[in-house]
Amino acid sequence: MVKQIAVIGGGTMGRGIAYTAALSGFEVTLQDISNEAIDRAQNYIETLLKKSVEKGYIQSQQRERALGNLSYTTQIEEAVRKTDLMIEAALEKMDLKIEIFKQADELAPAHAILATNTSTMSPTEIAASTKRPDRCVAMHFFNPVHRMKLIEVIRGLDTSDVTVDEVKQVAEQMGKETVEVNEFPGFVTSRMNCLIGNEAMNMLMEGVASAEDIDKALN
């Protein structure tokens, strides 16, 4: 059962995942390599919690619990050494993701699931850098994480059913819906978005409407 989550990467997606997980009752450690990134992420999360209370989205007690669930570090070892689930939210660079997974595989408990938040990259290739490919998976969150309800759960070739079930339970506790996807380039949503984007360009070239009006219609 997942109780502790390590989020690797304090950018837009990482801080959004950390906020949502902490508010959902998980103990969360957010890691980034720079103190500046950590400071930005912490300020973002604390500001968002404050605004959510002011707007009546959450109660002040929920804010306090979420703050108590959060910790921050620049050391990946500290983030993953007791974690049940690592969610990597670094840049979309395969070499970087593989390096993070190698480190996490060495440092995290044997039972821990290693997940990558990616919209395009192969979870099979990333998992191959570890000794636990059955415990590796992709969890594709959408931005802004606290508002978007969907998570794509993408199986690698070796991802076990148990791993998929566990991350689905995590998603459910976060108030999310999941779709289970087998590994193909672009998964589901990114492939659909490519089709929509290409058709929008075709309509612009054909003179169907202006770029502004096409964007407005799609929104």
N, C-alpha and C. Protein backbone atom coordinates (compact mmCIF):
# COMPACT_ATOMS: atom_id res chain seq x y z
N MET A 1 0.84 -1.20 0.00
CA MET A 1 0.00 0.00 0.00
C MET A 1 0.87 1.24 0.00
N VAL A 2 0.55 2.18 -0.87
CA VAL A 2 1.37 3.38 -1.00
C VAL A 2 0.97 4.41 0.06
N LYS A 3 1.94 4.80 0.88
CA LYS A 3 1.73 5.85 1.87
C LYS A 3 2.68 7.03 1.65
N GLN A 4 3.90 6.72 1.19
CA GLN A 4 4.91 7.75 0.98
C GLN A 4 5.24 7.86 -0.51
N ILE A 5 5.25 9.08 -1.00
CA ILE A 5 5.54 9.35 -2.40
C ILE A 5 6.72 10.30 -2.51
N ALA A 6 7.65 9.97 -3.37
CA ALA A 6 8.76 10.87 -3.70
C ALA A 6 8.52 11.44 -5.09
N VAL A 7 8.50 12.75 -5.20
CA VAL A 7 8.35 13.41 -6.49
C VAL A 7 9.70 13.99 -6.88
N ILE A 8 10.22 13.56 -8.01
CA ILE A 8 11.54 13.99 -8.47
C ILE A 8 11.38 15.03 -9.56
N GLY A 9 11.73 16.26 -9.24
CA GLY A 9 11.57 17.37 -10.17
C GLY A 9 10.58 18.38 -9.63
N GLY A 10 11.04 19.61 -9.42
CA GLY A 10 10.20 20.63 -8.79
C GLY A 10 9.62 21.64 -9.75
N GLY A 11 9.55 21.28 -11.04
CA GLY A 11 8.98 22.19 -12.02
C GLY A 11 7.46 22.18 -11.98
N THR A 12 6.86 22.65 -13.07
CA THR A 12 5.40 22.80 -13.12
C THR A 12 4.67 21.51 -12.78
N MET A 13 5.06 20.39 -13.40
CA MET A 13 4.37 19.14 -13.16
C MET A 13 4.71 18.57 -11.79
N GLY A 14 5.97 18.60 -11.43
CA GLY A 14 6.38 18.02 -10.15
C GLY A 14 5.72 18.69 -8.96
N ARG A 15 5.70 20.01 -8.96
CA ARG A 15 5.08 20.71 -7.82
C ARG A 15 3.57 20.50 -7.81
N GLY A 16 2.97 20.37 -9.00
CA GLY A 16 1.54 20.09 -9.07
C GLY A 16 1.21 18.71 -8.53
N ILE A 17 2.03 17.73 -8.88
CA ILE A 17 1.83 16.37 -8.37
C ILE A 17 2.03 16.34 -6.86
N ALA A 18 3.08 17.02 -6.37
CA ALA A 18 3.34 17.04 -4.94
C ALA A 18 2.19 17.68 -4.17
N TYR A 19 1.67 18.79 -4.68
CA TYR A 19 0.53 19.47 -4.05
C TYR A 19 -0.67 18.54 -3.96
N THR A 20 -1.00 17.91 -5.07
CA THR A 20 -2.17 17.04 -5.12
C THR A 20 -2.02 15.83 -4.22
N ALA A 21 -0.83 15.24 -4.22
CA ALA A 21 -0.58 14.06 -3.39
C ALA A 21 -0.65 14.40 -1.91
N ALA A 22 -0.05 15.50 -1.52
CA ALA A 22 -0.07 15.90 -0.11
C ALA A 22 -1.47 16.21 0.37
N LEU A 23 -2.24 16.88 -0.48
CA LEU A 23 -3.61 17.23 -0.13
C LEU A 23 -4.49 15.97 -0.05
N SER A 24 -4.08 14.92 -0.74
CA SER A 24 -4.84 13.66 -0.77
C SER A 24 -4.45 12.72 0.37
N GLY A 25 -3.53 13.15 1.23
CA GLY A 25 -3.20 12.36 2.41
C GLY A 25 -1.91 11.59 2.35
N PHE A 26 -1.18 11.67 1.25
CA PHE A 26 0.11 10.99 1.15
C PHE A 26 1.21 11.82 1.81
N GLU A 27 2.21 11.13 2.37
CA GLU A 27 3.42 11.81 2.81
C GLU A 27 4.31 12.00 1.58
N VAL A 28 4.71 13.23 1.32
CA VAL A 28 5.36 13.57 0.06
C VAL A 28 6.71 14.24 0.31
N THR A 29 7.73 13.76 -0.38
CA THR A 29 9.01 14.44 -0.42
C THR A 29 9.26 14.90 -1.85
N LEU A 30 9.43 16.20 -2.02
CA LEU A 30 9.70 16.78 -3.33
C LEU A 30 11.19 17.06 -3.44
N GLN A 31 11.80 16.53 -4.49
CA GLN A 31 13.24 16.70 -4.68
C GLN A 31 13.54 17.42 -5.98
N ASP A 32 14.50 18.32 -5.93
CA ASP A 32 15.08 18.92 -7.12
C ASP A 32 16.54 19.18 -6.83
N ILE A 33 17.34 19.33 -7.88
CA ILE A 33 18.79 19.44 -7.66
C ILE A 33 19.22 20.81 -7.17
N SER A 34 18.38 21.83 -7.32
CA SER A 34 18.78 23.18 -6.92
C SER A 34 17.88 23.72 -5.81
N ASN A 35 18.49 24.46 -4.90
CA ASN A 35 17.73 25.10 -3.82
C ASN A 35 16.74 26.12 -4.38
N GLU A 36 17.12 26.78 -5.48
CA GLU A 36 16.22 27.77 -6.07
C GLU A 36 14.94 27.12 -6.57
N ALA A 37 15.07 25.97 -7.21
CA ALA A 37 13.89 25.25 -7.71
C ALA A 37 13.02 24.78 -6.54
N ILE A 38 13.64 24.32 -5.48
CA ILE A 38 12.90 23.91 -4.29
C ILE A 38 12.15 25.09 -3.69
N ASP A 39 12.81 26.22 -3.59
CA ASP A 39 12.16 27.41 -3.02
C ASP A 39 10.96 27.84 -3.86
N ARG A 40 11.11 27.80 -5.19
CA ARG A 40 10.00 28.16 -6.07
C ARG A 40 8.83 27.20 -5.91
N ALA A 41 9.15 25.92 -5.85
CA ALA A 41 8.10 24.91 -5.71
C ALA A 41 7.37 25.05 -4.38
N GLN A 42 8.13 25.25 -3.31
CA GLN A 42 7.51 25.39 -1.99
C GLN A 42 6.63 26.63 -1.93
N ASN A 43 7.11 27.73 -2.49
CA ASN A 43 6.32 28.95 -2.50
C ASN A 43 5.03 28.76 -3.31
N TYR A 44 5.14 28.08 -4.45
CA TYR A 44 3.96 27.81 -5.28
C TYR A 44 2.94 27.00 -4.51
N ILE A 45 3.38 25.91 -3.89
CA ILE A 45 2.47 25.02 -3.19
C ILE A 45 1.80 25.73 -2.01
N GLU A 46 2.58 26.46 -1.24
CA GLU A 46 2.01 27.14 -0.08
C GLU A 46 1.04 28.25 -0.49
N THR A 47 1.37 28.94 -1.57
CA THR A 47 0.46 29.97 -2.08
C THR A 47 -0.84 29.36 -2.59
N LEU A 48 -0.73 28.25 -3.32
CA LEU A 48 -1.91 27.58 -3.85
C LEU A 48 -2.80 27.05 -2.72
N LEU A 49 -2.19 26.52 -1.69
CA LEU A 49 -2.97 26.05 -0.54
C LEU A 49 -3.71 27.21 0.13
N LYS A 50 -3.02 28.32 0.28
CA LYS A 50 -3.64 29.49 0.91
C LYS A 50 -4.82 30.00 0.08
N LYS A 51 -4.62 30.11 -1.23
CA LYS A 51 -5.69 30.58 -2.12
C LYS A 51 -6.87 29.60 -2.14
N SER A 52 -6.57 28.30 -2.06
CA SER A 52 -7.63 27.31 -2.08
C SER A 52 -8.52 27.42 -0.84
N VAL A 53 -7.91 27.76 0.30
CA VAL A 53 -8.69 27.99 1.51
C VAL A 53 -9.52 29.26 1.36
N GLU A 54 -8.90 30.32 0.86
CA GLU A 54 -9.60 31.60 0.71
C GLU A 54 -10.80 31.49 -0.23
N LYS A 55 -10.67 30.66 -1.25
CA LYS A 55 -11.76 30.49 -2.22
C LYS A 55 -12.77 29.43 -1.81
N GLY A 56 -12.52 28.78 -0.69
CA GLY A 56 -13.46 27.79 -0.18
C GLY A 56 -13.35 26.42 -0.82
N TYR A 57 -12.27 26.17 -1.57
CA TYR A 57 -12.10 24.86 -2.19
C TYR A 57 -11.72 23.79 -1.16
N ILE A 58 -10.95 24.20 -0.16
CA ILE A 58 -10.55 23.28 0.90
C ILE A 58 -10.71 24.00 2.24
N GLN A 59 -10.72 23.22 3.32
CA GLN A 59 -10.80 23.77 4.67
C GLN A 59 -9.40 24.06 5.19
N SER A 60 -9.31 24.94 6.16
CA SER A 60 -8.00 25.30 6.72
C SER A 60 -7.31 24.08 7.34
N GLN A 61 -8.11 23.13 7.88
CA GLN A 61 -7.51 21.92 8.45
C GLN A 61 -6.85 21.08 7.36
N GLN A 62 -7.46 21.06 6.18
CA GLN A 62 -6.86 20.32 5.07
C GLN A 62 -5.54 20.95 4.65
N ARG A 63 -5.52 22.27 4.64
CA ARG A 63 -4.28 22.97 4.31
C ARG A 63 -3.17 22.61 5.30
N GLU A 64 -3.49 22.61 6.58
CA GLU A 64 -2.48 22.32 7.59
C GLU A 64 -1.99 20.88 7.47
N ARG A 65 -2.90 19.95 7.20
CA ARG A 65 -2.49 18.55 7.03
C ARG A 65 -1.58 18.40 5.81
N ALA A 66 -1.94 19.09 4.73
CA ALA A 66 -1.12 19.01 3.51
C ALA A 66 0.28 19.56 3.77
N LEU A 67 0.36 20.69 4.46
CA LEU A 67 1.67 21.26 4.78
C LEU A 67 2.49 20.30 5.63
N GLY A 68 1.82 19.62 6.56
CA GLY A 68 2.51 18.64 7.40
C GLY A 68 2.96 17.41 6.64
N ASN A 69 2.31 17.13 5.53
CA ASN A 69 2.66 15.96 4.71
C ASN A 69 3.85 16.22 3.80
N LEU A 70 4.26 17.47 3.66
CA LEU A 70 5.26 17.85 2.67
C LEU A 70 6.64 18.04 3.28
N SER A 71 7.64 17.55 2.58
CA SER A 71 9.03 17.87 2.91
C SER A 71 9.78 18.08 1.59
N TYR A 72 10.93 18.74 1.68
CA TYR A 72 11.67 19.13 0.48
C TYR A 72 13.15 18.79 0.67
N THR A 73 13.80 18.42 -0.44
CA THR A 73 15.22 18.10 -0.37
C THR A 73 15.87 18.27 -1.74
N THR A 74 17.18 18.44 -1.73
CA THR A 74 17.95 18.44 -2.98
C THR A 74 18.63 17.09 -3.22
N GLN A 75 18.46 16.16 -2.29
CA GLN A 75 19.15 14.87 -2.37
C GLN A 75 18.17 13.76 -2.75
N ILE A 76 18.44 13.10 -3.86
CA ILE A 76 17.54 12.03 -4.30
C ILE A 76 17.52 10.88 -3.30
N GLU A 77 18.65 10.59 -2.66
CA GLU A 77 18.69 9.51 -1.68
C GLU A 77 17.71 9.77 -0.54
N GLU A 78 17.68 11.00 -0.04
CA GLU A 78 16.76 11.35 1.03
C GLU A 78 15.30 11.22 0.57
N ALA A 79 15.04 11.55 -0.68
CA ALA A 79 13.67 11.51 -1.20
C ALA A 79 13.14 10.10 -1.34
N VAL A 80 13.98 9.16 -1.78
CA VAL A 80 13.47 7.84 -2.17
C VAL A 80 13.78 6.73 -1.18
N ARG A 81 14.57 6.97 -0.16
CA ARG A 81 15.06 5.86 0.66
C ARG A 81 13.95 5.13 1.42
N LYS A 82 12.83 5.80 1.70
CA LYS A 82 11.72 5.15 2.40
C LYS A 82 10.42 5.19 1.57
N THR A 83 10.53 5.52 0.31
CA THR A 83 9.32 5.76 -0.47
C THR A 83 8.65 4.46 -0.91
N ASP A 84 7.35 4.55 -1.12
CA ASP A 84 6.59 3.44 -1.70
C ASP A 84 6.38 3.65 -3.20
N LEU A 85 6.42 4.92 -3.61
CA LEU A 85 6.20 5.28 -5.02
C LEU A 85 7.03 6.49 -5.36
N MET A 86 7.88 6.37 -6.35
CA MET A 86 8.59 7.52 -6.90
C MET A 86 7.88 7.95 -8.18
N ILE A 87 7.60 9.24 -8.29
CA ILE A 87 7.07 9.80 -9.53
C ILE A 87 8.10 10.78 -10.07
N GLU A 88 8.73 10.40 -11.14
CA GLU A 88 9.74 11.26 -11.77
C GLU A 88 9.05 12.26 -12.69
N ALA A 89 9.33 13.53 -12.48
CA ALA A 89 8.72 14.60 -13.28
C ALA A 89 9.79 15.55 -13.78
N ALA A 90 10.87 14.98 -14.30
CA ALA A 90 11.97 15.77 -14.82
C ALA A 90 11.69 16.14 -16.28
N LEU A 91 12.66 16.80 -16.90
CA LEU A 91 12.53 17.20 -18.30
C LEU A 91 12.36 15.97 -19.20
N GLU A 92 11.73 16.19 -20.36
CA GLU A 92 11.50 15.10 -21.30
C GLU A 92 12.78 14.79 -22.07
N LYS A 93 13.77 14.28 -21.34
CA LYS A 93 15.04 13.86 -21.92
C LYS A 93 15.30 12.43 -21.46
N MET A 94 15.41 11.53 -22.41
CA MET A 94 15.53 10.12 -22.08
C MET A 94 16.75 9.84 -21.20
N ASP A 95 17.90 10.43 -21.53
CA ASP A 95 19.11 10.18 -20.74
C ASP A 95 18.92 10.60 -19.29
N LEU A 96 18.25 11.72 -19.08
CA LEU A 96 18.01 12.22 -17.72
C LEU A 96 17.08 11.28 -16.97
N LYS A 97 16.01 10.86 -17.61
CA LYS A 97 15.06 9.96 -16.94
C LYS A 97 15.72 8.63 -16.59
N ILE A 98 16.51 8.09 -17.50
CA ILE A 98 17.20 6.83 -17.24
C ILE A 98 18.16 6.97 -16.06
N GLU A 99 18.86 8.08 -15.99
CA GLU A 99 19.79 8.29 -14.88
C GLU A 99 19.05 8.37 -13.54
N ILE A 100 17.92 9.05 -13.52
CA ILE A 100 17.11 9.14 -12.30
C ILE A 100 16.62 7.75 -11.89
N PHE A 101 16.15 6.97 -12.86
CA PHE A 101 15.65 5.63 -12.55
C PHE A 101 16.77 4.72 -12.05
N LYS A 102 17.96 4.84 -12.62
CA LYS A 102 19.09 4.04 -12.13
C LYS A 102 19.38 4.35 -10.67
N GLN A 103 19.42 5.65 -10.34
CA GLN A 103 19.69 6.04 -8.96
C GLN A 103 18.59 5.57 -8.02
N ALA A 104 17.35 5.79 -8.43
CA ALA A 104 16.22 5.39 -7.59
C ALA A 104 16.19 3.88 -7.37
N ASP A 105 16.53 3.14 -8.40
CA ASP A 105 16.54 1.68 -8.30
C ASP A 105 17.54 1.21 -7.25
N GLU A 106 18.67 1.88 -7.18
CA GLU A 106 19.69 1.52 -6.21
C GLU A 106 19.33 1.96 -4.79
N LEU A 107 18.60 3.08 -4.66
CA LEU A 107 18.41 3.72 -3.36
C LEU A 107 17.05 3.43 -2.72
N ALA A 108 16.03 3.16 -3.53
CA ALA A 108 14.68 2.99 -2.99
C ALA A 108 14.47 1.57 -2.47
N PRO A 109 13.51 1.39 -1.56
CA PRO A 109 13.19 0.04 -1.08
C PRO A 109 12.80 -0.89 -2.24
N ALA A 110 12.99 -2.18 -2.03
CA ALA A 110 12.75 -3.15 -3.10
C ALA A 110 11.30 -3.16 -3.55
N HIS A 111 10.37 -2.83 -2.65
CA HIS A 111 8.95 -2.87 -3.01
C HIS A 111 8.49 -1.63 -3.76
N ALA A 112 9.30 -0.58 -3.80
CA ALA A 112 8.85 0.71 -4.33
C ALA A 112 8.57 0.65 -5.83
N ILE A 113 7.51 1.33 -6.22
CA ILE A 113 7.18 1.49 -7.64
C ILE A 113 7.92 2.72 -8.15
N LEU A 114 8.47 2.62 -9.37
CA LEU A 114 9.14 3.73 -10.01
C LEU A 114 8.30 4.16 -11.22
N ALA A 115 7.77 5.36 -11.17
CA ALA A 115 6.89 5.85 -12.23
C ALA A 115 7.49 7.07 -12.89
N THR A 116 7.27 7.19 -14.18
CA THR A 116 7.69 8.38 -14.91
C THR A 116 6.46 9.14 -15.41
N ASN A 117 6.48 10.44 -15.22
CA ASN A 117 5.41 11.28 -15.76
C ASN A 117 5.87 11.75 -17.13
N THR A 118 5.50 11.01 -18.14
CA THR A 118 5.91 11.35 -19.50
C THR A 118 4.71 11.25 -20.43
N SER A 119 4.71 12.06 -21.47
CA SER A 119 3.63 12.02 -22.45
C SER A 119 4.05 11.31 -23.73
N THR A 120 5.34 10.99 -23.87
CA THR A 120 5.80 10.45 -25.15
C THR A 120 6.84 9.35 -25.02
N MET A 121 7.58 9.28 -23.93
CA MET A 121 8.75 8.41 -23.88
C MET A 121 8.42 7.01 -23.40
N SER A 122 9.24 6.06 -23.82
CA SER A 122 8.99 4.64 -23.60
C SER A 122 9.26 4.23 -22.15
N PRO A 123 8.21 3.80 -21.42
CA PRO A 123 8.47 3.28 -20.08
C PRO A 123 9.26 1.98 -20.10
N THR A 124 9.17 1.23 -21.19
CA THR A 124 9.95 0.00 -21.31
C THR A 124 11.44 0.31 -21.36
N GLU A 125 11.81 1.30 -22.17
CA GLU A 125 13.23 1.67 -22.28
C GLU A 125 13.75 2.22 -20.96
N ILE A 126 12.94 3.03 -20.29
CA ILE A 126 13.36 3.60 -19.00
C ILE A 126 13.50 2.49 -17.97
N ALA A 127 12.52 1.57 -17.93
CA ALA A 127 12.54 0.49 -16.95
C ALA A 127 13.71 -0.46 -17.15
N ALA A 128 14.18 -0.58 -18.39
CA ALA A 128 15.28 -1.51 -18.70
C ALA A 128 16.57 -1.13 -18.00
N SER A 129 16.65 0.10 -17.50
CA SER A 129 17.85 0.55 -16.78
C SER A 129 17.82 0.12 -15.32
N THR A 130 16.74 -0.55 -14.89
CA THR A 130 16.58 -0.95 -13.49
C THR A 130 16.58 -2.46 -13.35
N LYS A 131 16.60 -2.91 -12.10
CA LYS A 131 16.50 -4.34 -11.80
C LYS A 131 15.07 -4.70 -11.43
N ARG A 132 14.13 -3.76 -11.61
CA ARG A 132 12.73 -4.01 -11.24
C ARG A 132 11.78 -3.55 -12.35
N PRO A 133 11.95 -3.99 -13.58
CA PRO A 133 11.08 -3.50 -14.65
C PRO A 133 9.60 -3.80 -14.42
N ASP A 134 9.31 -4.84 -13.64
CA ASP A 134 7.92 -5.15 -13.32
C ASP A 134 7.29 -4.11 -12.40
N ARG A 135 8.12 -3.33 -11.70
CA ARG A 135 7.65 -2.31 -10.78
C ARG A 135 7.78 -0.91 -11.37
N CYS A 136 7.97 -0.84 -12.69
CA CYS A 136 8.10 0.44 -13.38
C CYS A 136 6.89 0.67 -14.27
N VAL A 137 6.49 1.95 -14.38
CA VAL A 137 5.27 2.28 -15.11
C VAL A 137 5.33 3.76 -15.47
N ALA A 138 4.49 4.19 -16.37
CA ALA A 138 4.35 5.62 -16.66
C ALA A 138 3.01 6.10 -16.12
N MET A 139 3.03 7.25 -15.45
CA MET A 139 1.81 7.92 -14.99
C MET A 139 1.81 9.31 -15.62
N HIS A 140 1.00 9.49 -16.65
CA HIS A 140 0.97 10.76 -17.37
C HIS A 140 -0.09 11.66 -16.77
N PHE A 141 0.35 12.61 -15.92
CA PHE A 141 -0.53 13.62 -15.37
C PHE A 141 -0.70 14.76 -16.37
N PHE A 142 -1.72 15.57 -16.17
CA PHE A 142 -1.99 16.70 -17.06
C PHE A 142 -1.96 18.00 -16.26
N ASN A 143 -1.61 19.07 -16.92
CA ASN A 143 -1.43 20.37 -16.28
C ASN A 143 -2.66 21.25 -16.45
N PRO A 144 -3.13 21.91 -15.37
CA PRO A 144 -2.65 21.87 -13.99
C PRO A 144 -3.13 20.61 -13.27
N VAL A 145 -2.23 19.99 -12.56
CA VAL A 145 -2.49 18.67 -11.98
C VAL A 145 -3.68 18.70 -11.03
N HIS A 146 -3.80 19.75 -10.23
CA HIS A 146 -4.85 19.77 -9.21
C HIS A 146 -6.25 19.94 -9.81
N ARG A 147 -6.33 20.34 -11.08
CA ARG A 147 -7.63 20.52 -11.73
C ARG A 147 -7.95 19.42 -12.73
N MET A 148 -6.96 18.90 -13.39
CA MET A 148 -7.19 17.91 -14.46
C MET A 148 -7.41 16.54 -13.85
N LYS A 149 -8.51 15.89 -14.25
CA LYS A 149 -8.96 14.67 -13.61
C LYS A 149 -8.31 13.40 -14.14
N LEU A 150 -7.68 13.48 -15.31
CA LEU A 150 -7.22 12.26 -15.97
C LEU A 150 -5.75 11.96 -15.69
N ILE A 151 -5.45 10.68 -15.52
CA ILE A 151 -4.07 10.18 -15.54
C ILE A 151 -4.03 9.00 -16.50
N GLU A 152 -3.13 9.08 -17.48
CA GLU A 152 -2.87 7.92 -18.34
C GLU A 152 -1.87 7.01 -17.62
N VAL A 153 -2.23 5.75 -17.45
CA VAL A 153 -1.33 4.75 -16.86
C VAL A 153 -0.83 3.88 -18.00
N ILE A 154 0.46 4.00 -18.29
CA ILE A 154 1.02 3.32 -19.45
C ILE A 154 1.91 2.17 -19.01
N ARG A 155 1.56 0.98 -19.46
CA ARG A 155 2.35 -0.22 -19.16
C ARG A 155 3.61 -0.26 -20.01
N GLY A 156 4.72 -0.62 -19.40
CA GLY A 156 5.86 -1.09 -20.16
C GLY A 156 5.66 -2.57 -20.46
N LEU A 157 6.55 -3.15 -21.24
CA LEU A 157 6.39 -4.55 -21.62
C LEU A 157 6.43 -5.47 -20.40
N ASP A 158 7.15 -5.07 -19.34
CA ASP A 158 7.31 -5.92 -18.17
C ASP A 158 6.49 -5.46 -16.97
N THR A 159 5.74 -4.40 -17.10
CA THR A 159 4.97 -3.88 -15.97
C THR A 159 3.95 -4.92 -15.50
N SER A 160 3.93 -5.19 -14.19
CA SER A 160 3.03 -6.21 -13.66
C SER A 160 1.63 -5.66 -13.44
N ASP A 161 0.66 -6.56 -13.39
CA ASP A 161 -0.71 -6.18 -13.09
C ASP A 161 -0.80 -5.56 -11.69
N VAL A 162 -0.03 -6.09 -10.75
CA VAL A 162 -0.03 -5.56 -9.39
C VAL A 162 0.41 -4.10 -9.37
N THR A 163 1.44 -3.79 -10.13
CA THR A 163 1.93 -2.41 -10.21
C THR A 163 0.86 -1.49 -10.77
N VAL A 164 0.21 -1.92 -11.84
CA VAL A 164 -0.85 -1.11 -12.45
C VAL A 164 -1.99 -0.89 -11.46
N ASP A 165 -2.37 -1.93 -10.76
CA ASP A 165 -3.46 -1.80 -9.79
C ASP A 165 -3.09 -0.82 -8.67
N GLU A 166 -1.85 -0.88 -8.21
CA GLU A 166 -1.42 0.00 -7.12
C GLU A 166 -1.43 1.47 -7.55
N VAL A 167 -0.94 1.77 -8.75
CA VAL A 167 -0.92 3.17 -9.16
C VAL A 167 -2.33 3.67 -9.47
N LYS A 168 -3.20 2.78 -9.89
CA LYS A 168 -4.60 3.17 -10.08
C LYS A 168 -5.23 3.53 -8.73
N GLN A 169 -4.89 2.79 -7.68
CA GLN A 169 -5.40 3.10 -6.34
C GLN A 169 -4.88 4.44 -5.86
N VAL A 170 -3.63 4.74 -6.16
CA VAL A 170 -3.06 6.05 -5.83
C VAL A 170 -3.82 7.15 -6.55
N ALA A 171 -4.05 6.95 -7.83
CA ALA A 171 -4.78 7.94 -8.63
C ALA A 171 -6.18 8.16 -8.06
N GLU A 172 -6.83 7.07 -7.68
CA GLU A 172 -8.18 7.19 -7.12
C GLU A 172 -8.17 7.99 -5.83
N GLN A 173 -7.17 7.76 -4.97
CA GLN A 173 -7.07 8.53 -3.73
C GLN A 173 -6.83 10.00 -4.01
N MET A 174 -6.18 10.30 -5.13
CA MET A 174 -5.97 11.69 -5.53
C MET A 174 -7.20 12.31 -6.19
N GLY A 175 -8.26 11.51 -6.34
CA GLY A 175 -9.48 12.01 -6.97
C GLY A 175 -9.41 12.03 -8.48
N LYS A 176 -8.54 11.18 -9.05
CA LYS A 176 -8.35 11.15 -10.49
C LYS A 176 -9.03 9.95 -11.13
N GLU A 177 -9.30 10.08 -12.41
CA GLU A 177 -9.72 8.95 -13.24
C GLU A 177 -8.52 8.47 -14.04
N THR A 178 -8.50 7.18 -14.33
CA THR A 178 -7.37 6.63 -15.08
C THR A 178 -7.85 5.94 -16.36
N VAL A 179 -6.98 5.96 -17.34
CA VAL A 179 -7.13 5.10 -18.51
C VAL A 179 -5.86 4.28 -18.62
N GLU A 180 -6.01 3.00 -18.89
CA GLU A 180 -4.86 2.10 -19.00
C GLU A 180 -4.46 1.98 -20.46
N VAL A 181 -3.19 2.21 -20.73
CA VAL A 181 -2.71 2.31 -22.10
C VAL A 181 -1.53 1.35 -22.29
N ASN A 182 -1.54 0.61 -23.38
CA ASN A 182 -0.38 -0.17 -23.75
C ASN A 182 0.61 0.75 -24.46
N GLU A 183 1.86 0.40 -24.40
CA GLU A 183 2.89 1.31 -24.89
C GLU A 183 2.91 1.40 -26.42
N PHE A 184 2.53 2.57 -26.92
CA PHE A 184 2.67 2.94 -28.31
C PHE A 184 3.07 4.40 -28.34
N PRO A 185 3.82 4.84 -29.36
CA PRO A 185 4.26 6.24 -29.40
C PRO A 185 3.09 7.22 -29.27
N GLY A 186 3.22 8.16 -28.34
CA GLY A 186 2.20 9.18 -28.16
C GLY A 186 1.06 8.77 -27.25
N PHE A 187 1.01 7.47 -26.89
CA PHE A 187 -0.06 6.96 -26.02
C PHE A 187 -1.43 7.29 -26.62
N VAL A 188 -2.39 7.79 -25.83
CA VAL A 188 -3.71 8.12 -26.37
C VAL A 188 -3.86 9.61 -26.60
N THR A 189 -3.74 10.39 -25.54
CA THR A 189 -4.07 11.82 -25.64
C THR A 189 -3.12 12.58 -26.54
N SER A 190 -1.83 12.28 -26.47
CA SER A 190 -0.87 13.00 -27.31
C SER A 190 -1.10 12.71 -28.79
N ARG A 191 -1.47 11.45 -29.11
CA ARG A 191 -1.76 11.12 -30.50
C ARG A 191 -2.99 11.86 -30.99
N MET A 192 -4.02 11.93 -30.14
CA MET A 192 -5.22 12.66 -30.53
C MET A 192 -4.93 14.14 -30.72
N ASN A 193 -4.11 14.70 -29.83
CA ASN A 193 -3.77 16.11 -29.94
C ASN A 193 -3.00 16.41 -31.22
N CYS A 194 -2.15 15.46 -31.64
CA CYS A 194 -1.42 15.65 -32.90
C CYS A 194 -2.39 15.72 -34.08
N LEU A 195 -3.40 14.85 -34.07
CA LEU A 195 -4.39 14.86 -35.14
C LEU A 195 -5.15 16.18 -35.17
N ILE A 196 -5.56 16.63 -33.98
CA ILE A 196 -6.30 17.90 -33.90
C ILE A 196 -5.43 19.06 -34.37
N GLY A 197 -4.16 19.06 -33.94
CA GLY A 197 -3.26 20.13 -34.34
C GLY A 197 -3.02 20.15 -35.84
N ASN A 198 -2.84 18.96 -36.43
CA ASN A 198 -2.63 18.89 -37.88
C ASN A 198 -3.86 19.37 -38.64
N GLU A 199 -5.04 18.99 -38.17
CA GLU A 199 -6.27 19.40 -38.85
C GLU A 199 -6.48 20.91 -38.71
N ALA A 200 -6.11 21.46 -37.56
CA ALA A 200 -6.21 22.92 -37.37
C ALA A 200 -5.31 23.65 -38.37
N MET A 201 -4.11 23.12 -38.59
CA MET A 201 -3.21 23.74 -39.57
C MET A 201 -3.77 23.63 -40.98
N ASN A 202 -4.37 22.48 -41.29
CA ASN A 202 -4.98 22.31 -42.61
C ASN A 202 -6.11 23.32 -42.83
N MET A 203 -6.93 23.50 -41.79
CA MET A 203 -8.04 24.45 -41.91
C MET A 203 -7.53 25.87 -42.11
N LEU A 204 -6.43 26.21 -41.45
CA LEU A 204 -5.85 27.54 -41.62
C LEU A 204 -5.34 27.72 -43.05
N MET A 205 -4.66 26.70 -43.58
CA MET A 205 -4.13 26.79 -44.95
C MET A 205 -5.26 26.86 -45.97
N GLU A 206 -6.38 26.19 -45.70
CA GLU A 206 -7.50 26.20 -46.63
C GLU A 206 -8.35 27.46 -46.52
N GLY A 207 -8.07 28.27 -45.52
CA GLY A 207 -8.83 29.50 -45.35
C GLY A 207 -10.19 29.30 -44.69
N VAL A 208 -10.37 28.20 -43.98
CA VAL A 208 -11.65 27.93 -43.31
C VAL A 208 -11.94 29.00 -42.28
N ALA A 209 -10.92 29.40 -41.53
CA ALA A 209 -11.09 30.44 -40.50
C ALA A 209 -9.70 30.95 -40.14
N SER A 210 -9.68 32.05 -39.39
CA SER A 210 -8.40 32.60 -38.93
C SER A 210 -7.85 31.72 -37.82
N ALA A 211 -6.54 31.87 -37.55
CA ALA A 211 -5.91 31.10 -36.48
C ALA A 211 -6.59 31.39 -35.15
N GLU A 212 -6.91 32.67 -34.92
CA GLU A 212 -7.55 33.05 -33.67
C GLU A 212 -8.92 32.39 -33.50
N ASP A 213 -9.70 32.36 -34.59
CA ASP A 213 -11.03 31.78 -34.49
C ASP A 213 -10.99 30.26 -34.39
N ILE A 214 -10.01 29.64 -35.03
CA ILE A 214 -9.86 28.18 -34.88
C ILE A 214 -9.49 27.85 -33.43
N ASP A 215 -8.55 28.60 -32.87
CA ASP A 215 -8.19 28.38 -31.46
C ASP A 215 -9.40 28.59 -30.56
N LYS A 216 -10.16 29.64 -30.84
CA LYS A 216 -11.33 29.94 -30.01
C LYS A 216 -12.36 28.82 -30.09
N ALA A 217 -12.56 28.29 -31.28
CA ALA A 217 -13.54 27.21 -31.47
C ALA A 217 -13.11 25.95 -30.72
N LEU A 218 -11.81 25.66 -30.72
CA LEU A 218 -11.32 24.46 -30.06
C LEU A 218 -11.34 24.59 -28.54
N ASN A 219 -11.27 25.81 -28.05
CA ASN A 219 -11.27 26.02 -26.61
C ASN A 219 -12.69 25.97 -26.06
